[in-house]
Amino acid sequence: MQQSSTVTRYLIFFQYLGTKYSGVMKAPAHQPLQGVQNHLENAVRRLKPVNEVSVSISSRTDTGVHALCNSAHLDIQRRGDKPPFTERVLTDALNFFLKPEPIRITRVYCVRSDFHARYRAISRTYVYRLATGVCHHTQLPITEKDLCWTLWDTDIQFWELQFKSRSFLYKQVRRMVGALVAVGRGKLSVSQVQDLLDTRDSMAYPQNMAAPPYGLFLINVEYNDSDLKPYRGDID
């Protein structure tokens, strides 16, 4: 019997438009709306690895949320004496199998076997995009459909709010943006925002005030440089 090659772990960076997905995380097979992870794992399976395919996502995004840079790690064991995929070959191969979807692999790194995409991340950065001065969604450029939150005013202006932290709570960015917009519209006072912060209870946040998902982008997941240095196998 021919012996299989060793398992190689990769860190992949990828981007996607989240409009048509249930979020980045894998959805059950019977669910009509699939997650980005479903498509990533299907692409890896088409490489025909020996091991069971499992993609571990670093940063969760919900239905309708986009990413210019998310990350994940995965293991690939090739058949026989075939060498591990190079970073360039794996990038091109996965993008070939992802062609029908608005999902793209941007970078691949070969990493240590104990590397974890979620727990090794040192920061995550989100941008929330707002378009003010929009009386009707048809006034938006077609390239902006489902990519920003439209708010009526006078002239169309685009605003970007940036948030960076090691991690975020569920819907935290969308709730912060929603609170800021509510204050600007006079629907929430600054003292009420302070009260929400002081309660430290997500259930106290007003219903239907969170910003919609389609204006939110995950734009970066950061790691220490030492984690991204070229790696070619464990050292005893």
C-alpha atoms as a PDB file:
ATOM      1  CA  MET A   1       0.000   0.000   0.000  1.00  0.00           C
ATOM      2  CA  GLN A   2       1.360   3.419  -0.931  1.00  0.00           C
ATOM      3  CA  GLN A   3       2.018   5.656   2.058  1.00  0.00           C
ATOM      4  CA  SER A   4       0.388   9.090   2.216  1.00  0.00           C
ATOM      5  CA  SER A   5       2.367  12.296   2.589  1.00  0.00           C
ATOM      6  CA  THR A   6       2.459  14.290   5.807  1.00  0.00           C
ATOM      7  CA  VAL A   7      -0.280  16.735   6.781  1.00  0.00           C
ATOM      8  CA  THR A   8       0.420  20.380   5.975  1.00  0.00           C
ATOM      9  CA  ARG A   9      -1.402  23.247   7.669  1.00  0.00           C
ATOM     10  CA  TYR A  10      -2.169  26.427   5.738  1.00  0.00           C
ATOM     11  CA  LEU A  11      -3.392  29.864   6.744  1.00  0.00           C
ATOM     12  CA  ILE A  12      -5.585  31.343   4.029  1.00  0.00           C
ATOM     13  CA  PHE A  13      -6.813  34.921   3.662  1.00  0.00           C
ATOM     14  CA  PHE A  14     -10.003  35.345   1.659  1.00  0.00           C
ATOM     15  CA  GLN A  15     -12.620  37.922   0.730  1.00  0.00           C
ATOM     16  CA  TYR A  16     -16.292  37.731  -0.204  1.00  0.00           C
ATOM     17  CA  LEU A  17     -19.499  39.635  -0.793  1.00  0.00           C
ATOM     18  CA  GLY A  18     -21.845  38.374   1.908  1.00  0.00           C
ATOM     19  CA  THR A  19     -25.162  39.311   0.264  1.00  0.00           C
ATOM     20  CA  LYS A  20     -26.063  35.791  -0.911  1.00  0.00           C
ATOM     21  CA  TYR A  21     -24.720  33.845   2.099  1.00  0.00           C
ATOM     22  CA  SER A  22     -26.081  32.916   5.521  1.00  0.00           C
ATOM     23  CA  GLY A  23     -22.828  34.248   6.995  1.00  0.00           C
ATOM     24  CA  VAL A  24     -19.262  33.028   6.891  1.00  0.00           C
ATOM     25  CA  MET A  25     -19.839  29.959   9.085  1.00  0.00           C
ATOM     26  CA  LYS A  26     -20.943  26.631   7.623  1.00  0.00           C
ATOM     27  CA  ALA A  27     -24.688  26.087   7.316  1.00  0.00           C
ATOM     28  CA  PRO A  28     -26.440  22.671   7.505  1.00  0.00           C
ATOM     29  CA  ALA A  29     -26.700  20.868   4.169  1.00  0.00           C
ATOM     30  CA  HIS A  30     -30.520  21.072   4.146  1.00  0.00           C
ATOM     31  CA  GLN A  31     -30.497  24.866   4.534  1.00  0.00           C
ATOM     32  CA  PRO A  32     -31.063  26.613   1.169  1.00  0.00           C
ATOM     33  CA  LEU A  33     -28.794  29.569   2.045  1.00  0.00           C
ATOM     34  CA  GLN A  34     -25.226  28.331   2.478  1.00  0.00           C
ATOM     35  CA  GLY A  35     -22.324  29.875   4.379  1.00  0.00           C
ATOM     36  CA  VAL A  36     -18.988  30.940   2.881  1.00  0.00           C
ATOM     37  CA  GLN A  37     -17.332  28.063   4.772  1.00  0.00           C
ATOM     38  CA  ASN A  38     -19.466  25.544   2.836  1.00  0.00           C
ATOM     39  CA  HIS A  39     -18.006  26.788  -0.441  1.00  0.00           C
ATOM     40  CA  LEU A  40     -14.440  26.933   0.887  1.00  0.00           C
ATOM     41  CA  GLU A  41     -14.618  23.339   2.097  1.00  0.00           C
ATOM     42  CA  ASN A  42     -16.158  22.170  -1.183  1.00  0.00           C
ATOM     43  CA  ALA A  43     -13.259  23.788  -3.060  1.00  0.00           C
ATOM     44  CA  VAL A  44     -10.712  22.054  -0.803  1.00  0.00           C
ATOM     45  CA  ARG A  45     -12.437  18.680  -1.341  1.00  0.00           C
ATOM     46  CA  ARG A  46     -11.942  19.049  -5.080  1.00  0.00           C
ATOM     47  CA  LEU A  47      -8.187  18.930  -4.399  1.00  0.00           C
ATOM     48  CA  LYS A  48      -8.842  15.326  -3.254  1.00  0.00           C
ATOM     49  CA  PRO A  49      -6.916  15.330   0.038  1.00  0.00           C
ATOM     50  CA  VAL A  50      -6.599  12.134   2.070  1.00  0.00           C
ATOM     51  CA  ASN A  51      -7.751  13.758   5.314  1.00  0.00           C
ATOM     52  CA  GLU A  52     -11.238  14.926   6.201  1.00  0.00           C
ATOM     53  CA  VAL A  53     -11.735  18.530   5.106  1.00  0.00           C
ATOM     54  CA  SER A  54     -12.336  21.131   7.813  1.00  0.00           C
ATOM     55  CA  VAL A  55     -11.791  24.892   7.446  1.00  0.00           C
ATOM     56  CA  SER A  56     -11.442  26.765  10.771  1.00  0.00           C
ATOM     57  CA  ILE A  57     -12.632  30.365  10.345  1.00  0.00           C
ATOM     58  CA  SER A  58     -10.908  33.093  12.372  1.00  0.00           C
ATOM     59  CA  SER A  59     -13.631  35.749  12.418  1.00  0.00           C
ATOM     60  CA  ARG A  60     -17.373  35.235  12.278  1.00  0.00           C
ATOM     61  CA  THR A  61     -19.531  37.457  10.064  1.00  0.00           C
ATOM     62  CA  ASP A  62     -23.315  37.271   9.874  1.00  0.00           C
ATOM     63  CA  THR A  63     -25.778  37.118   6.990  1.00  0.00           C
ATOM     64  CA  GLY A  64     -25.199  39.979   4.557  1.00  0.00           C
ATOM     65  CA  VAL A  65     -21.871  41.103   6.062  1.00  0.00           C
ATOM     66  CA  HIS A  66     -18.910  41.351   3.683  1.00  0.00           C
ATOM     67  CA  ALA A  67     -15.174  40.780   4.072  1.00  0.00           C
ATOM     68  CA  LEU A  68     -12.215  42.246   2.247  1.00  0.00           C
ATOM     69  CA  CYS A  69      -9.986  40.141   4.485  1.00  0.00           C
ATOM     70  CA  ASN A  70     -11.037  37.182   6.608  1.00  0.00           C
ATOM     71  CA  SER A  71      -8.810  34.226   7.444  1.00  0.00           C
ATOM     72  CA  ALA A  72      -8.910  30.535   8.288  1.00  0.00           C
ATOM     73  CA  HIS A  73      -6.619  27.550   8.681  1.00  0.00           C
ATOM     74  CA  LEU A  74      -6.952  24.132   7.095  1.00  0.00           C
ATOM     75  CA  ASP A  75      -4.987  20.885   6.827  1.00  0.00           C
ATOM     76  CA  ILE A  76      -4.199  19.071   3.595  1.00  0.00           C
ATOM     77  CA  GLN A  77      -2.664  15.619   3.303  1.00  0.00           C
ATOM     78  CA  ARG A  78      -1.904  14.564  -0.257  1.00  0.00           C
ATOM     79  CA  ARG A  79      -1.908  11.032  -1.611  1.00  0.00           C
ATOM     80  CA  GLY A  80       1.223   8.966  -2.086  1.00  0.00           C
ATOM     81  CA  ASP A  81       4.512  10.754  -2.329  1.00  0.00           C
ATOM     82  CA  LYS A  82       3.073  13.994  -3.708  1.00  0.00           C
ATOM     83  CA  PRO A  83       4.713  17.053  -2.129  1.00  0.00           C
ATOM     84  CA  PRO A  84       2.649  19.654  -0.235  1.00  0.00           C
ATOM     85  CA  PHE A  85       0.997  22.342  -2.339  1.00  0.00           C
ATOM     86  CA  THR A  86       2.997  25.551  -2.561  1.00  0.00           C
ATOM     87  CA  GLU A  87       1.246  28.719  -1.401  1.00  0.00           C
ATOM     88  CA  ARG A  88       0.895  29.967  -4.988  1.00  0.00           C
ATOM     89  CA  VAL A  89      -0.463  26.689  -6.358  1.00  0.00           C
ATOM     90  CA  LEU A  90      -2.987  26.364  -3.533  1.00  0.00           C
ATOM     91  CA  THR A  91      -4.174  29.953  -4.040  1.00  0.00           C
ATOM     92  CA  ASP A  92      -4.712  29.417  -7.769  1.00  0.00           C
ATOM     93  CA  ALA A  93      -6.349  26.008  -7.339  1.00  0.00           C
ATOM     94  CA  LEU A  94      -8.858  27.154  -4.736  1.00  0.00           C
ATOM     95  CA  ASN A  95      -9.752  30.251  -6.749  1.00  0.00           C
ATOM     96  CA  PHE A  96     -10.326  28.049  -9.797  1.00  0.00           C
ATOM     97  CA  PHE A  97     -12.872  25.940  -7.918  1.00  0.00           C
ATOM     98  CA  LEU A  98     -14.475  29.031  -6.329  1.00  0.00           C
ATOM     99  CA  LYS A  99     -15.011  30.744  -9.705  1.00  0.00           C
ATOM    100  CA  PRO A 100     -18.836  30.674  -9.671  1.00  0.00           C
ATOM    101  CA  GLU A 101     -18.949  32.407  -6.252  1.00  0.00           C
ATOM    102  CA  PRO A 102     -18.068  35.977  -5.135  1.00  0.00           C
ATOM    103  CA  ILE A 103     -15.359  34.476  -2.899  1.00  0.00           C
ATOM    104  CA  ARG A 104     -11.624  34.825  -3.545  1.00  0.00           C
ATOM    105  CA  ILE A 105      -8.474  33.576  -1.865  1.00  0.00           C
ATOM    106  CA  THR A 106      -5.988  36.460  -1.655  1.00  0.00           C
ATOM    107  CA  ARG A 107      -3.019  34.943   0.220  1.00  0.00           C
ATOM    108  CA  VAL A 108      -1.869  31.579   1.544  1.00  0.00           C
ATOM    109  CA  TYR A 109       0.824  30.794   4.121  1.00  0.00           C
ATOM    110  CA  CYS A 110       2.231  27.438   5.146  1.00  0.00           C
ATOM    111  CA  VAL A 111       2.184  27.515   8.975  1.00  0.00           C
ATOM    112  CA  ARG A 112       3.091  25.348  11.952  1.00  0.00           C
ATOM    113  CA  SER A 113       0.874  22.356  12.714  1.00  0.00           C
ATOM    114  CA  ASP A 114      -0.300  23.934  16.003  1.00  0.00           C
ATOM    115  CA  PHE A 115      -1.232  27.292  14.452  1.00  0.00           C
ATOM    116  CA  HIS A 116      -4.861  28.365  15.021  1.00  0.00           C
ATOM    117  CA  ALA A 117      -6.352  31.111  12.842  1.00  0.00           C
ATOM    118  CA  ARG A 118      -8.809  32.294  15.479  1.00  0.00           C
ATOM    119  CA  TYR A 119      -6.688  32.219  18.625  1.00  0.00           C
ATOM    120  CA  ARG A 120      -3.446  33.500  17.050  1.00  0.00           C
ATOM    121  CA  ALA A 121      -5.114  36.621  15.620  1.00  0.00           C
ATOM    122  CA  ILE A 122      -3.981  39.773  17.452  1.00  0.00           C
ATOM    123  CA  SER A 123      -6.589  42.137  15.999  1.00  0.00           C
ATOM    124  CA  ARG A 124      -9.600  42.418  13.725  1.00  0.00           C
ATOM    125  CA  THR A 125     -10.637  45.585  11.907  1.00  0.00           C
ATOM    126  CA  TYR A 126     -14.120  46.391  10.647  1.00  0.00           C
ATOM    127  CA  VAL A 127     -15.389  49.292   8.566  1.00  0.00           C
ATOM    128  CA  TYR A 128     -19.026  50.346   8.495  1.00  0.00           C
ATOM    129  CA  ARG A 129     -20.086  52.325   5.425  1.00  0.00           C
ATOM    130  CA  LEU A 130     -22.885  54.902   5.472  1.00  0.00           C
ATOM    131  CA  ALA A 131     -24.358  56.883   2.581  1.00  0.00           C
ATOM    132  CA  THR A 132     -26.164  60.061   3.631  1.00  0.00           C
ATOM    133  CA  GLY A 133     -28.379  62.178   1.435  1.00  0.00           C
ATOM    134  CA  VAL A 134     -30.223  59.274  -0.190  1.00  0.00           C
ATOM    135  CA  CYS A 135     -33.979  59.747  -0.487  1.00  0.00           C
ATOM    136  CA  HIS A 136     -34.417  56.480  -2.363  1.00  0.00           C
ATOM    137  CA  HIS A 137     -32.144  53.489  -2.962  1.00  0.00           C
ATOM    138  CA  THR A 138     -32.286  54.129  -6.724  1.00  0.00           C
ATOM    139  CA  GLN A 139     -30.191  57.264  -6.166  1.00  0.00           C
ATOM    140  CA  LEU A 140     -27.212  55.120  -5.203  1.00  0.00           C
ATOM    141  CA  PRO A 141     -24.623  54.174  -7.823  1.00  0.00           C
ATOM    142  CA  ILE A 142     -25.275  50.597  -8.937  1.00  0.00           C
ATOM    143  CA  THR A 143     -21.863  49.596  -7.582  1.00  0.00           C
ATOM    144  CA  GLU A 144     -23.014  50.510  -4.059  1.00  0.00           C
ATOM    145  CA  LYS A 145     -26.149  48.337  -3.914  1.00  0.00           C
ATOM    146  CA  ASP A 146     -26.130  46.223  -0.731  1.00  0.00           C
ATOM    147  CA  LEU A 147     -22.740  47.680   0.242  1.00  0.00           C
ATOM    148  CA  CYS A 148     -23.733  50.574   2.524  1.00  0.00           C
ATOM    149  CA  TRP A 149     -26.527  51.823   4.802  1.00  0.00           C
ATOM    150  CA  THR A 150     -28.449  54.602   3.041  1.00  0.00           C
ATOM    151  CA  LEU A 151     -29.647  57.556   5.140  1.00  0.00           C
ATOM    152  CA  TRP A 152     -31.609  60.465   3.679  1.00  0.00           C
ATOM    153  CA  ASP A 153     -30.385  64.061   3.939  1.00  0.00           C
ATOM    154  CA  THR A 154     -29.350  66.575   1.243  1.00  0.00           C
ATOM    155  CA  ASP A 155     -26.320  65.543  -0.812  1.00  0.00           C
ATOM    156  CA  ILE A 156     -24.968  62.015  -1.142  1.00  0.00           C
ATOM    157  CA  GLN A 157     -21.869  61.573   0.985  1.00  0.00           C
ATOM    158  CA  PHE A 158     -20.117  58.377   1.980  1.00  0.00           C
ATOM    159  CA  TRP A 159     -18.873  57.888   5.526  1.00  0.00           C
ATOM    160  CA  GLU A 160     -16.683  55.114   6.874  1.00  0.00           C
ATOM    161  CA  LEU A 161     -16.492  54.239  10.565  1.00  0.00           C
ATOM    162  CA  GLN A 162     -13.537  52.029  11.511  1.00  0.00           C
ATOM    163  CA  PHE A 163     -13.325  49.720  14.536  1.00  0.00           C
ATOM    164  CA  LYS A 164     -10.284  47.712  15.615  1.00  0.00           C
ATOM    165  CA  SER A 165      -9.935  45.272  18.515  1.00  0.00           C
ATOM    166  CA  ARG A 166      -8.645  41.808  19.272  1.00  0.00           C
ATOM    167  CA  SER A 167     -12.240  40.541  19.280  1.00  0.00           C
ATOM    168  CA  PHE A 168     -15.827  41.768  19.213  1.00  0.00           C
ATOM    169  CA  LEU A 169     -19.100  40.707  20.798  1.00  0.00           C
ATOM    170  CA  TYR A 170     -22.045  39.489  18.722  1.00  0.00           C
ATOM    171  CA  LYS A 171     -23.391  42.401  16.604  1.00  0.00           C
ATOM    172  CA  GLN A 172     -21.166  44.822  18.562  1.00  0.00           C
ATOM    173  CA  VAL A 173     -20.073  46.951  15.605  1.00  0.00           C
ATOM    174  CA  ARG A 174     -23.566  47.148  14.139  1.00  0.00           C
ATOM    175  CA  ARG A 175     -24.962  48.144  17.517  1.00  0.00           C
ATOM    176  CA  MET A 176     -22.349  50.855  18.003  1.00  0.00           C
ATOM    177  CA  VAL A 177     -23.077  52.287  14.554  1.00  0.00           C
ATOM    178  CA  GLY A 178     -26.819  52.073  15.167  1.00  0.00           C
ATOM    179  CA  ALA A 179     -26.449  53.986  18.437  1.00  0.00           C
ATOM    180  CA  LEU A 180     -24.359  56.713  16.752  1.00  0.00           C
ATOM    181  CA  VAL A 181     -26.932  57.139  13.989  1.00  0.00           C
ATOM    182  CA  ALA A 182     -29.763  57.188  16.548  1.00  0.00           C
ATOM    183  CA  VAL A 183     -28.023  60.006  18.439  1.00  0.00           C
ATOM    184  CA  GLY A 184     -27.537  61.934  15.186  1.00  0.00           C
ATOM    185  CA  ARG A 185     -31.228  61.549  14.389  1.00  0.00           C
ATOM    186  CA  GLY A 186     -32.287  62.611  17.877  1.00  0.00           C
ATOM    187  CA  LYS A 187     -33.779  59.220  18.701  1.00  0.00           C
ATOM    188  CA  LEU A 188     -31.253  58.516  21.465  1.00  0.00           C
ATOM    189  CA  SER A 189     -29.481  60.918  23.806  1.00  0.00           C
ATOM    190  CA  VAL A 190     -25.828  60.762  24.778  1.00  0.00           C
ATOM    191  CA  SER A 191     -26.853  60.035  28.379  1.00  0.00           C
ATOM    192  CA  GLN A 192     -28.972  57.110  27.191  1.00  0.00           C
ATOM    193  CA  VAL A 193     -25.952  55.718  25.334  1.00  0.00           C
ATOM    194  CA  GLN A 194     -23.952  56.005  28.554  1.00  0.00           C
ATOM    195  CA  ASP A 195     -26.712  54.156  30.410  1.00  0.00           C
ATOM    196  CA  LEU A 196     -26.537  51.332  27.827  1.00  0.00           C
ATOM    197  CA  LEU A 197     -22.784  51.091  28.317  1.00  0.00           C
ATOM    198  CA  ASP A 198     -23.116  51.088  32.101  1.00  0.00           C
ATOM    199  CA  THR A 199     -25.698  48.288  32.160  1.00  0.00           C
ATOM    200  CA  ARG A 200     -23.333  45.927  30.278  1.00  0.00           C
ATOM    201  CA  ASP A 201     -26.367  43.921  29.173  1.00  0.00           C
ATOM    202  CA  SER A 202     -26.894  43.272  25.461  1.00  0.00           C
ATOM    203  CA  MET A 203     -30.595  42.657  26.125  1.00  0.00           C
ATOM    204  CA  ALA A 204     -30.957  46.320  27.146  1.00  0.00           C
ATOM    205  CA  TYR A 205     -30.057  47.496  23.639  1.00  0.00           C
ATOM    206  CA  PRO A 206     -33.204  48.884  21.907  1.00  0.00           C
ATOM    207  CA  GLN A 207     -34.906  46.564  19.445  1.00  0.00           C
ATOM    208  CA  ASN A 208     -34.347  47.220  15.720  1.00  0.00           C
ATOM    209  CA  MET A 209     -31.705  49.904  16.319  1.00  0.00           C
ATOM    210  CA  ALA A 210     -28.652  47.951  15.147  1.00  0.00           C
ATOM    211  CA  ALA A 211     -27.284  49.026  11.774  1.00  0.00           C
ATOM    212  CA  PRO A 212     -28.147  46.648   8.904  1.00  0.00           C
ATOM    213  CA  PRO A 213     -25.540  44.020   8.006  1.00  0.00           C
ATOM    214  CA  TYR A 214     -24.887  45.020   4.393  1.00  0.00           C
ATOM    215  CA  GLY A 215     -22.879  48.145   5.337  1.00  0.00           C
ATOM    216  CA  LEU A 216     -20.367  46.160   7.396  1.00  0.00           C
ATOM    217  CA  PHE A 217     -17.008  44.941   6.089  1.00  0.00           C
ATOM    218  CA  LEU A 218     -14.322  42.943   7.852  1.00  0.00           C
ATOM    219  CA  ILE A 219     -11.206  44.506   6.312  1.00  0.00           C
ATOM    220  CA  ASN A 220      -8.294  42.934   8.179  1.00  0.00           C
ATOM    221  CA  VAL A 221      -7.277  40.086  10.479  1.00  0.00           C
ATOM    222  CA  GLU A 222      -3.794  40.691  11.865  1.00  0.00           C
ATOM    223  CA  TYR A 223      -1.170  38.211  13.066  1.00  0.00           C
ATOM    224  CA  ASN A 224       2.334  38.488  14.434  1.00  0.00           C
ATOM    225  CA  ASP A 225       4.943  38.545  11.674  1.00  0.00           C
ATOM    226  CA  SER A 226       6.582  35.474  13.198  1.00  0.00           C
ATOM    227  CA  ASP A 227       3.429  33.444  12.449  1.00  0.00           C
ATOM    228  CA  LEU A 228       3.611  34.328   8.752  1.00  0.00           C
ATOM    229  CA  LYS A 229       7.262  33.516   8.079  1.00  0.00           C
ATOM    230  CA  PRO A 230       7.862  30.778   5.495  1.00  0.00           C
ATOM    231  CA  TYR A 231       7.514  27.385   7.145  1.00  0.00           C
ATOM    232  CA  ARG A 232       8.410  23.985   5.716  1.00  0.00           C
ATOM    233  CA  GLY A 233       7.740  21.400   8.391  1.00  0.00           C
ATOM    234  CA  ASP A 234       7.931  20.885  12.145  1.00  0.00           C
ATOM    235  CA  ILE A 235      11.302  20.989  13.829  1.00  0.00           C
ATOM    236  CA  ASP A 236      11.979  18.270  16.397  1.00  0.00           C
END
